[in-house]
Amino acid sequence: MTDPASPDPTRRFFGWLLLIVGVLLMTLCGVCTLFFGGMSIIDIVRTGGHEGEFSSQSILRAAAIIGLPPTFVGVVLIWWGLRLRRRAGTR
C-alpha cells in the first residue's frame, strides 16, 4: 500500500518541467530584453535617442512590447511549477 503522505510523482514531474521551461524562458527573453532596453536607455541619455537609422526610443518600445510578455510568462511558469511541487509534497 502506498503512503498517502508521499508526493505524487506526476505532479512533481510537471512541477519540475514548468519550473525548467519557465527559468529558460525568463532567462533568455529577460537577458535579451534587458540588453536591448539598457542599451537604448544609455543611448537616449547620451544622445537623446534620435540618431541613426532606428531611434532608441522605438527600439526601447519594441523591446518592451516583444520582450516583456514572454519574460512575464516565464515568471508565471516558475511560480506555477513551484506551487505544483509544493502542493505535491503536502498531499
PDB file of N, CA and C in Angstrom:
ATOM      1  N   MET A   1       0.841  -1.180   0.000  1.00  0.00           N
ATOM      2  CA  MET A   1       0.000   0.000   0.000  1.00  0.00           C
ATOM      3  C   MET A   1       0.886   1.243   0.000  1.00  0.00           C
ATOM      4  N   THR A   2       0.464   2.256  -0.700  1.00  0.00           N
ATOM      5  CA  THR A   2       1.266   3.476  -0.798  1.00  0.00           C
ATOM      6  C   THR A   2       0.986   4.390   0.379  1.00  0.00           C
ATOM      7  N   ASP A   3       1.987   5.141   0.719  1.00  0.00           N
ATOM      8  CA  ASP A   3       1.876   6.103   1.811  1.00  0.00           C
ATOM      9  C   ASP A   3       1.109   7.326   1.311  1.00  0.00           C
ATOM     10  N   PRO A   4       0.013   7.730   1.979  1.00  0.00           N
ATOM     11  CA  PRO A   4      -0.753   8.885   1.494  1.00  0.00           C
ATOM     12  C   PRO A   4       0.020  10.199   1.598  1.00  0.00           C
ATOM     13  N   ALA A   5       1.072  10.239   2.413  1.00  0.00           N
ATOM     14  CA  ALA A   5       1.844  11.477   2.555  1.00  0.00           C
ATOM     15  C   ALA A   5       2.926  11.600   1.481  1.00  0.00           C
ATOM     16  N   SER A   6       3.148  10.540   0.685  1.00  0.00           N
ATOM     17  CA  SER A   6       4.189  10.613  -0.343  1.00  0.00           C
ATOM     18  C   SER A   6       3.731  11.504  -1.492  1.00  0.00           C
ATOM     19  N   PRO A   7       4.660  12.276  -2.054  1.00  0.00           N
ATOM     20  CA  PRO A   7       4.288  13.195  -3.142  1.00  0.00           C
ATOM     21  C   PRO A   7       3.912  12.436  -4.411  1.00  0.00           C
ATOM     22  N   ASP A   8       2.968  12.999  -5.129  1.00  0.00           N
ATOM     23  CA  ASP A   8       2.528  12.425  -6.401  1.00  0.00           C
ATOM     24  C   ASP A   8       3.626  12.638  -7.440  1.00  0.00           C
ATOM     25  N   PRO A   9       4.155  11.570  -8.032  1.00  0.00           N
ATOM     26  CA  PRO A   9       5.267  11.740  -8.983  1.00  0.00           C
ATOM     27  C   PRO A   9       4.872  12.504 -10.245  1.00  0.00           C
ATOM     28  N   THR A  10       3.635  12.411 -10.663  1.00  0.00           N
ATOM     29  CA  THR A  10       3.199  13.139 -11.858  1.00  0.00           C
ATOM     30  C   THR A  10       3.204  14.641 -11.608  1.00  0.00           C
ATOM     31  N   ARG A  11       2.683  15.041 -10.478  1.00  0.00           N
ATOM     32  CA  ARG A  11       2.683  16.479 -10.142  1.00  0.00           C
ATOM     33  C   ARG A  11       4.100  16.990  -9.963  1.00  0.00           C
ATOM     34  N   ARG A  12       4.931  16.185  -9.337  1.00  0.00           N
ATOM     35  CA  ARG A  12       6.316  16.595  -9.128  1.00  0.00           C
ATOM     36  C   ARG A  12       7.033  16.739 -10.476  1.00  0.00           C
ATOM     37  N   PHE A  13       6.801  15.803 -11.401  1.00  0.00           N
ATOM     38  CA  PHE A  13       7.406  15.869 -12.737  1.00  0.00           C
ATOM     39  C   PHE A  13       6.961  17.121 -13.476  1.00  0.00           C
ATOM     40  N   PHE A  14       5.647  17.388 -13.507  1.00  0.00           N
ATOM     41  CA  PHE A  14       5.153  18.570 -14.217  1.00  0.00           C
ATOM     42  C   PHE A  14       5.568  19.853 -13.514  1.00  0.00           C
ATOM     43  N   GLY A  15       5.703  19.814 -12.203  1.00  0.00           N
ATOM     44  CA  GLY A  15       6.216  20.978 -11.482  1.00  0.00           C
ATOM     45  C   GLY A  15       7.634  21.305 -11.903  1.00  0.00           C
ATOM     46  N   TRP A  16       8.487  20.265 -11.971  1.00  0.00           N
ATOM     47  CA  TRP A  16       9.864  20.464 -12.426  1.00  0.00           C
ATOM     48  C   TRP A  16       9.896  20.915 -13.877  1.00  0.00           C
ATOM     49  N   LEU A  17       9.056  20.320 -14.722  1.00  0.00           N
ATOM     50  CA  LEU A  17       9.018  20.679 -16.133  1.00  0.00           C
ATOM     51  C   LEU A  17       8.643  22.155 -16.309  1.00  0.00           C
ATOM     52  N   LEU A  18       7.594  22.595 -15.617  1.00  0.00           N
ATOM     53  CA  LEU A  18       7.193  24.001 -15.697  1.00  0.00           C
ATOM     54  C   LEU A  18       8.286  24.910 -15.152  1.00  0.00           C
ATOM     55  N   LEU A  19       8.928  24.481 -14.093  1.00  0.00           N
ATOM     56  CA  LEU A  19       9.985  25.279 -13.489  1.00  0.00           C
ATOM     57  C   LEU A  19      11.167  25.447 -14.457  1.00  0.00           C
ATOM     58  N   ILE A  20      11.580  24.373 -15.100  1.00  0.00           N
ATOM     59  CA  ILE A  20      12.716  24.440 -16.025  1.00  0.00           C
ATOM     60  C   ILE A  20      12.377  25.278 -17.255  1.00  0.00           C
ATOM     61  N   VAL A  21      11.198  25.058 -17.832  1.00  0.00           N
ATOM     62  CA  VAL A  21      10.792  25.846 -19.003  1.00  0.00           C
ATOM     63  C   VAL A  21      10.657  27.324 -18.625  1.00  0.00           C
ATOM     64  N   GLY A  22      10.109  27.592 -17.465  1.00  0.00           N
ATOM     65  CA  GLY A  22       9.966  28.977 -17.011  1.00  0.00           C
ATOM     66  C   GLY A  22      11.297  29.664 -16.801  1.00  0.00           C
ATOM     67  N   VAL A  23      12.253  28.953 -16.203  1.00  0.00           N
ATOM     68  CA  VAL A  23      13.584  29.541 -15.995  1.00  0.00           C
ATOM     69  C   VAL A  23      14.268  29.824 -17.335  1.00  0.00           C
ATOM     70  N   LEU A  24      14.179  28.873 -18.265  1.00  0.00           N
ATOM     71  CA  LEU A  24      14.781  29.099 -19.584  1.00  0.00           C
ATOM     72  C   LEU A  24      14.133  30.276 -20.302  1.00  0.00           C
ATOM     73  N   LEU A  25      12.815  30.326 -20.283  1.00  0.00           N
ATOM     74  CA  LEU A  25      12.101  31.405 -20.969  1.00  0.00           C
ATOM     75  C   LEU A  25      12.412  32.750 -20.336  1.00  0.00           C
ATOM     76  N   MET A  26      12.351  32.810 -19.015  1.00  0.00           N
ATOM     77  CA  MET A  26      12.613  34.071 -18.326  1.00  0.00           C
ATOM     78  C   MET A  26      14.060  34.511 -18.520  1.00  0.00           C
ATOM     79  N   THR A  27      14.994  33.573 -18.459  1.00  0.00           N
ATOM     80  CA  THR A  27      16.398  33.934 -18.585  1.00  0.00           C
ATOM     81  C   THR A  27      16.729  34.416 -19.995  1.00  0.00           C
ATOM     82  N   LEU A  28      16.341  33.648 -20.998  1.00  0.00           N
ATOM     83  CA  LEU A  28      16.696  34.025 -22.372  1.00  0.00           C
ATOM     84  C   LEU A  28      15.999  35.311 -22.807  1.00  0.00           C
ATOM     85  N   CYS A  29      14.696  35.384 -22.588  1.00  0.00           N
ATOM     86  CA  CYS A  29      13.967  36.592 -23.004  1.00  0.00           C
ATOM     87  C   CYS A  29      14.317  37.785 -22.124  1.00  0.00           C
ATOM     88  N   GLY A  30      14.502  37.529 -20.840  1.00  0.00           N
ATOM     89  CA  GLY A  30      14.815  38.620 -19.922  1.00  0.00           C
ATOM     90  C   GLY A  30      16.168  39.245 -20.190  1.00  0.00           C
ATOM     91  N   VAL A  31      17.174  38.419 -20.468  1.00  0.00           N
ATOM     92  CA  VAL A  31      18.510  38.947 -20.748  1.00  0.00           C
ATOM     93  C   VAL A  31      18.505  39.735 -22.055  1.00  0.00           C
ATOM     94  N   CYS A  32      17.830  39.225 -23.064  1.00  0.00           N
ATOM     95  CA  CYS A  32      17.759  39.929 -24.344  1.00  0.00           C
ATOM     96  C   CYS A  32      17.025  41.266 -24.182  1.00  0.00           C
ATOM     97  N   THR A  33      15.905  41.250 -23.498  1.00  0.00           N
ATOM     98  CA  THR A  33      15.146  42.483 -23.265  1.00  0.00           C
ATOM     99  C   THR A  33      15.953  43.468 -22.434  1.00  0.00           C
ATOM    100  N   LEU A  34      16.642  42.963 -21.413  1.00  0.00           N
ATOM    101  CA  LEU A  34      17.474  43.823 -20.576  1.00  0.00           C
ATOM    102  C   LEU A  34      18.606  44.444 -21.382  1.00  0.00           C
ATOM    103  N   PHE A  35      19.223  43.660 -22.262  1.00  0.00           N
ATOM    104  CA  PHE A  35      20.314  44.185 -23.082  1.00  0.00           C
ATOM    105  C   PHE A  35      19.825  45.290 -24.014  1.00  0.00           C
ATOM    106  N   PHE A  36      18.781  44.995 -24.799  1.00  0.00           N
ATOM    107  CA  PHE A  36      18.298  45.994 -25.750  1.00  0.00           C
ATOM    108  C   PHE A  36      17.687  47.199 -25.043  1.00  0.00           C
ATOM    109  N   GLY A  37      16.950  46.966 -23.977  1.00  0.00           N
ATOM    110  CA  GLY A  37      16.383  48.076 -23.216  1.00  0.00           C
ATOM    111  C   GLY A  37      17.454  48.929 -22.564  1.00  0.00           C
ATOM    112  N   GLY A  38      18.452  48.266 -21.976  1.00  0.00           N
ATOM    113  CA  GLY A  38      19.538  49.008 -21.338  1.00  0.00           C
ATOM    114  C   GLY A  38      20.360  49.815 -22.319  1.00  0.00           C
ATOM    115  N   MET A  39      20.679  49.196 -23.456  1.00  0.00           N
ATOM    116  CA  MET A  39      21.450  49.921 -24.463  1.00  0.00           C
ATOM    117  C   MET A  39      20.647  51.100 -25.033  1.00  0.00           C
ATOM    118  N   SER A  40      19.346  50.927 -25.177  1.00  0.00           N
ATOM    119  CA  SER A  40      18.505  52.029 -25.663  1.00  0.00           C
ATOM    120  C   SER A  40      18.450  53.164 -24.656  1.00  0.00           C
ATOM    121  N   ILE A  41      18.324  52.821 -23.380  1.00  0.00           N
ATOM    122  CA  ILE A  41      18.289  53.861 -22.339  1.00  0.00           C
ATOM    123  C   ILE A  41      19.623  54.601 -22.283  1.00  0.00           C
ATOM    124  N   ILE A  42      20.725  53.858 -22.381  1.00  0.00           N
ATOM    125  CA  ILE A  42      22.038  54.512 -22.387  1.00  0.00           C
ATOM    126  C   ILE A  42      22.156  55.450 -23.585  1.00  0.00           C
ATOM    127  N   ASP A  43      21.693  55.026 -24.762  1.00  0.00           N
ATOM    128  CA  ASP A  43      21.762  55.866 -25.953  1.00  0.00           C
ATOM    129  C   ASP A  43      20.842  57.081 -25.822  1.00  0.00           C
ATOM    130  N   ILE A  44      19.691  56.907 -25.219  1.00  0.00           N
ATOM    131  CA  ILE A  44      18.780  58.047 -25.022  1.00  0.00           C
ATOM    132  C   ILE A  44      19.419  59.073 -24.094  1.00  0.00           C
ATOM    133  N   VAL A  45      20.073  58.607 -23.040  1.00  0.00           N
ATOM    134  CA  VAL A  45      20.725  59.532 -22.101  1.00  0.00           C
ATOM    135  C   VAL A  45      21.890  60.253 -22.771  1.00  0.00           C
ATOM    136  N   ARG A  46      22.655  59.528 -23.566  1.00  0.00           N
ATOM    137  CA  ARG A  46      23.841  60.131 -24.199  1.00  0.00           C
ATOM    138  C   ARG A  46      23.491  61.067 -25.356  1.00  0.00           C
ATOM    139  N   THR A  47      22.610  60.625 -26.249  1.00  0.00           N
ATOM    140  CA  THR A  47      22.393  61.386 -27.490  1.00  0.00           C
ATOM    141  C   THR A  47      20.973  61.919 -27.650  1.00  0.00           C
ATOM    142  N   GLY A  48      20.093  61.568 -26.804  1.00  0.00           N
ATOM    143  CA  GLY A  48      18.706  61.979 -26.978  1.00  0.00           C
ATOM    144  C   GLY A  48      17.883  60.940 -27.712  1.00  0.00           C
ATOM    145  N   GLY A  49      18.531  59.945 -28.289  1.00  0.00           N
ATOM    146  CA  GLY A  49      17.834  58.822 -28.904  1.00  0.00           C
ATOM    147  C   GLY A  49      17.303  59.048 -30.296  1.00  0.00           C
ATOM    148  N   HIS A  50      17.709  60.107 -30.971  1.00  0.00           N
ATOM    149  CA  HIS A  50      17.170  60.391 -32.300  1.00  0.00           C
ATOM    150  C   HIS A  50      18.186  60.194 -33.412  1.00  0.00           C
ATOM    151  N   GLU A  51      19.341  59.619 -33.100  1.00  0.00           N
ATOM    152  CA  GLU A  51      20.370  59.439 -34.123  1.00  0.00           C
ATOM    153  C   GLU A  51      20.311  58.030 -34.679  1.00  0.00           C
ATOM    154  N   GLY A  52      20.776  57.866 -35.917  1.00  0.00           N
ATOM    155  CA  GLY A  52      20.859  56.549 -36.525  1.00  0.00           C
ATOM    156  C   GLY A  52      19.611  56.190 -37.312  1.00  0.00           C
ATOM    157  N   GLU A  53      19.658  54.982 -37.853  1.00  0.00           N
ATOM    158  CA  GLU A  53      18.550  54.520 -38.698  1.00  0.00           C
ATOM    159  C   GLU A  53      17.281  54.283 -37.883  1.00  0.00           C
ATOM    160  N   PHE A  54      17.429  53.632 -36.739  1.00  0.00           N
ATOM    161  CA  PHE A  54      16.292  53.384 -35.837  1.00  0.00           C
ATOM    162  C   PHE A  54      16.512  54.204 -34.577  1.00  0.00           C
ATOM    163  N   SER A  55      15.492  54.898 -34.135  1.00  0.00           N
ATOM    164  CA  SER A  55      15.655  55.685 -32.920  1.00  0.00           C
ATOM    165  C   SER A  55      15.670  54.763 -31.710  1.00  0.00           C
ATOM    166  N   SER A  56      16.389  55.174 -30.703  1.00  0.00           N
ATOM    167  CA  SER A  56      16.496  54.362 -29.486  1.00  0.00           C
ATOM    168  C   SER A  56      15.153  54.245 -28.776  1.00  0.00           C
ATOM    169  N   GLN A  57      14.331  55.267 -28.920  1.00  0.00           N
ATOM    170  CA  GLN A  57      13.005  55.210 -28.297  1.00  0.00           C
ATOM    171  C   GLN A  57      12.149  54.122 -28.932  1.00  0.00           C
ATOM    172  N   SER A  58      12.239  53.966 -30.247  1.00  0.00           N
ATOM    173  CA  SER A  58      11.460  52.910 -30.899  1.00  0.00           C
ATOM    174  C   SER A  58      12.013  51.524 -30.558  1.00  0.00           C
ATOM    175  N   ILE A  59      13.340  51.402 -30.405  1.00  0.00           N
ATOM    176  CA  ILE A  59      13.925  50.122 -30.001  1.00  0.00           C
ATOM    177  C   ILE A  59      13.516  49.791 -28.571  1.00  0.00           C
ATOM    178  N   LEU A  60      13.468  50.793 -27.706  1.00  0.00           N
ATOM    179  CA  LEU A  60      13.031  50.570 -26.326  1.00  0.00           C
ATOM    180  C   LEU A  60      11.572  50.121 -26.281  1.00  0.00           C
ATOM    181  N   ARG A  61      10.734  50.761 -27.083  1.00  0.00           N
ATOM    182  CA  ARG A  61       9.321  50.336 -27.154  1.00  0.00           C
ATOM    183  C   ARG A  61       9.194  48.914 -27.690  1.00  0.00           C
ATOM    184  N   ALA A  62       9.962  48.605 -28.738  1.00  0.00           N
ATOM    185  CA  ALA A  62       9.916  47.256 -29.312  1.00  0.00           C
ATOM    186  C   ALA A  62      10.406  46.213 -28.313  1.00  0.00           C
ATOM    187  N   ALA A  63      11.456  46.541 -27.565  1.00  0.00           N
ATOM    188  CA  ALA A  63      11.957  45.608 -26.550  1.00  0.00           C
ATOM    189  C   ALA A  63      10.900  45.363 -25.480  1.00  0.00           C
ATOM    190  N   ALA A  64      10.182  46.406 -25.095  1.00  0.00           N
ATOM    191  CA  ALA A  64       9.136  46.241 -24.085  1.00  0.00           C
ATOM    192  C   ALA A  64       7.952  45.441 -24.621  1.00  0.00           C
ATOM    193  N   ILE A  65       7.556  45.722 -25.850  1.00  0.00           N
ATOM    194  CA  ILE A  65       6.390  45.043 -26.428  1.00  0.00           C
ATOM    195  C   ILE A  65       6.701  43.588 -26.778  1.00  0.00           C
ATOM    196  N   ILE A  66       7.889  43.341 -27.316  1.00  0.00           N
ATOM    197  CA  ILE A  66       8.232  41.990 -27.762  1.00  0.00           C
ATOM    198  C   ILE A  66       8.847  41.157 -26.638  1.00  0.00           C
ATOM    199  N   GLY A  67       9.632  41.764 -25.758  1.00  0.00           N
ATOM    200  CA  GLY A  67      10.377  41.007 -24.765  1.00  0.00           C
ATOM    201  C   GLY A  67       9.707  40.809 -23.426  1.00  0.00           C
ATOM    202  N   LEU A  68       8.898  41.751 -22.987  1.00  0.00           N
ATOM    203  CA  LEU A  68       8.311  41.625 -21.651  1.00  0.00           C
ATOM    204  C   LEU A  68       7.231  40.547 -21.526  1.00  0.00           C
ATOM    205  N   PRO A  69       6.337  40.360 -22.516  1.00  0.00           N
ATOM    206  CA  PRO A  69       5.333  39.299 -22.341  1.00  0.00           C
ATOM    207  C   PRO A  69       5.916  37.893 -22.167  1.00  0.00           C
ATOM    208  N   PRO A  70       6.898  37.447 -22.992  1.00  0.00           N
ATOM    209  CA  PRO A  70       7.450  36.111 -22.730  1.00  0.00           C
ATOM    210  C   PRO A  70       8.209  36.030 -21.411  1.00  0.00           C
ATOM    211  N   THR A  71       8.837  37.126 -21.000  1.00  0.00           N
ATOM    212  CA  THR A  71       9.518  37.133 -19.705  1.00  0.00           C
ATOM    213  C   THR A  71       8.497  36.963 -18.583  1.00  0.00           C
ATOM    214  N   PHE A  72       7.378  37.646 -18.698  1.00  0.00           N
ATOM    215  CA  PHE A  72       6.312  37.520 -17.704  1.00  0.00           C
ATOM    216  C   PHE A  72       5.740  36.100 -17.697  1.00  0.00           C
ATOM    217  N   VAL A  73       5.571  35.506 -18.876  1.00  0.00           N
ATOM    218  CA  VAL A  73       5.085  34.120 -18.959  1.00  0.00           C
ATOM    219  C   VAL A  73       6.072  33.184 -18.271  1.00  0.00           C
ATOM    220  N   GLY A  74       7.361  33.418 -18.437  1.00  0.00           N
ATOM    221  CA  GLY A  74       8.374  32.617 -17.753  1.00  0.00           C
ATOM    222  C   GLY A  74       8.270  32.723 -16.247  1.00  0.00           C
ATOM    223  N   VAL A  75       8.037  33.934 -15.738  1.00  0.00           N
ATOM    224  CA  VAL A  75       7.871  34.127 -14.296  1.00  0.00           C
ATOM    225  C   VAL A  75       6.628  33.382 -13.802  1.00  0.00           C
ATOM    226  N   VAL A  76       5.538  33.452 -14.554  1.00  0.00           N
ATOM    227  CA  VAL A  76       4.307  32.742 -14.167  1.00  0.00           C
ATOM    228  C   VAL A  76       4.529  31.234 -14.174  1.00  0.00           C
ATOM    229  N   LEU A  77       5.266  30.710 -15.167  1.00  0.00           N
ATOM    230  CA  LEU A  77       5.551  29.281 -15.203  1.00  0.00           C
ATOM    231  C   LEU A  77       6.406  28.855 -14.016  1.00  0.00           C
ATOM    232  N   ILE A  78       7.369  29.683 -13.626  1.00  0.00           N
ATOM    233  CA  ILE A  78       8.178  29.371 -12.443  1.00  0.00           C
ATOM    234  C   ILE A  78       7.291  29.316 -11.207  1.00  0.00           C
ATOM    235  N   TRP A  79       6.435  30.302 -11.052  1.00  0.00           N
ATOM    236  CA  TRP A  79       5.534  30.337  -9.895  1.00  0.00           C
ATOM    237  C   TRP A  79       4.619  29.115  -9.882  1.00  0.00           C
ATOM    238  N   TRP A  80       4.072  28.776 -11.041  1.00  0.00           N
ATOM    239  CA  TRP A  80       3.160  27.637 -11.149  1.00  0.00           C
ATOM    240  C   TRP A  80       3.889  26.324 -10.858  1.00  0.00           C
ATOM    241  N   GLY A  81       5.113  26.168 -11.388  1.00  0.00           N
ATOM    242  CA  GLY A  81       5.900  24.967 -11.137  1.00  0.00           C
ATOM    243  C   GLY A  81       6.250  24.811  -9.666  1.00  0.00           C
ATOM    244  N   LEU A  82       6.638  25.906  -9.027  1.00  0.00           N
ATOM    245  CA  LEU A  82       6.931  25.844  -7.592  1.00  0.00           C
ATOM    246  C   LEU A  82       5.687  25.492  -6.790  1.00  0.00           C
ATOM    247  N   ARG A  83       4.576  26.056  -7.193  1.00  0.00           N
ATOM    248  CA  ARG A  83       3.319  25.776  -6.500  1.00  0.00           C
ATOM    249  C   ARG A  83       2.913  24.305  -6.652  1.00  0.00           C
ATOM    250  N   LEU A  84       3.074  23.756  -7.865  1.00  0.00           N
ATOM    251  CA  LEU A  84       2.769  22.341  -8.082  1.00  0.00           C
ATOM    252  C   LEU A  84       3.681  21.438  -7.258  1.00  0.00           C
ATOM    253  N   ARG A  85       4.971  21.762  -7.210  1.00  0.00           N
ATOM    254  CA  ARG A  85       5.914  20.954  -6.447  1.00  0.00           C
ATOM    255  C   ARG A  85       5.605  21.011  -4.957  1.00  0.00           C
ATOM    256  N   ARG A  86       5.274  22.177  -4.440  1.00  0.00           N
ATOM    257  CA  ARG A  86       4.956  22.291  -3.009  1.00  0.00           C
ATOM    258  C   ARG A  86       3.682  21.546  -2.675  1.00  0.00           C
ATOM    259  N   ARG A  87       2.680  21.692  -3.542  1.00  0.00           N
ATOM    260  CA  ARG A  87       1.425  21.016  -3.296  1.00  0.00           C
ATOM    261  C   ARG A  87       1.598  19.498  -3.381  1.00  0.00           C
ATOM    262  N   ALA A  88       2.487  19.060  -4.253  1.00  0.00           N
ATOM    263  CA  ALA A  88       2.722  17.621  -4.393  1.00  0.00           C
ATOM    264  C   ALA A  88       3.344  17.057  -3.125  1.00  0.00           C
ATOM    265  N   GLY A  89       4.167  17.838  -2.448  1.00  0.00           N
ATOM    266  CA  GLY A  89       4.801  17.359  -1.234  1.00  0.00           C
ATOM    267  C   GLY A  89       3.890  17.354  -0.028  1.00  0.00           C
ATOM    268  N   THR A  90       2.846  18.172  -0.036  1.00  0.00           N
ATOM    269  CA  THR A  90       1.969  18.263   1.132  1.00  0.00           C
ATOM    270  C   THR A  90       0.815  17.298   1.076  1.00  0.00           C
ATOM    271  N   ARG A  91       0.493  16.781  -0.090  1.00  0.00           N
ATOM    272  CA  ARG A  91      -0.655  15.878  -0.185  1.00  0.00           C
ATOM    273  C   ARG A  91      -0.288  14.459   0.056  1.00  0.00           C
TER     274      ARG A  91
END
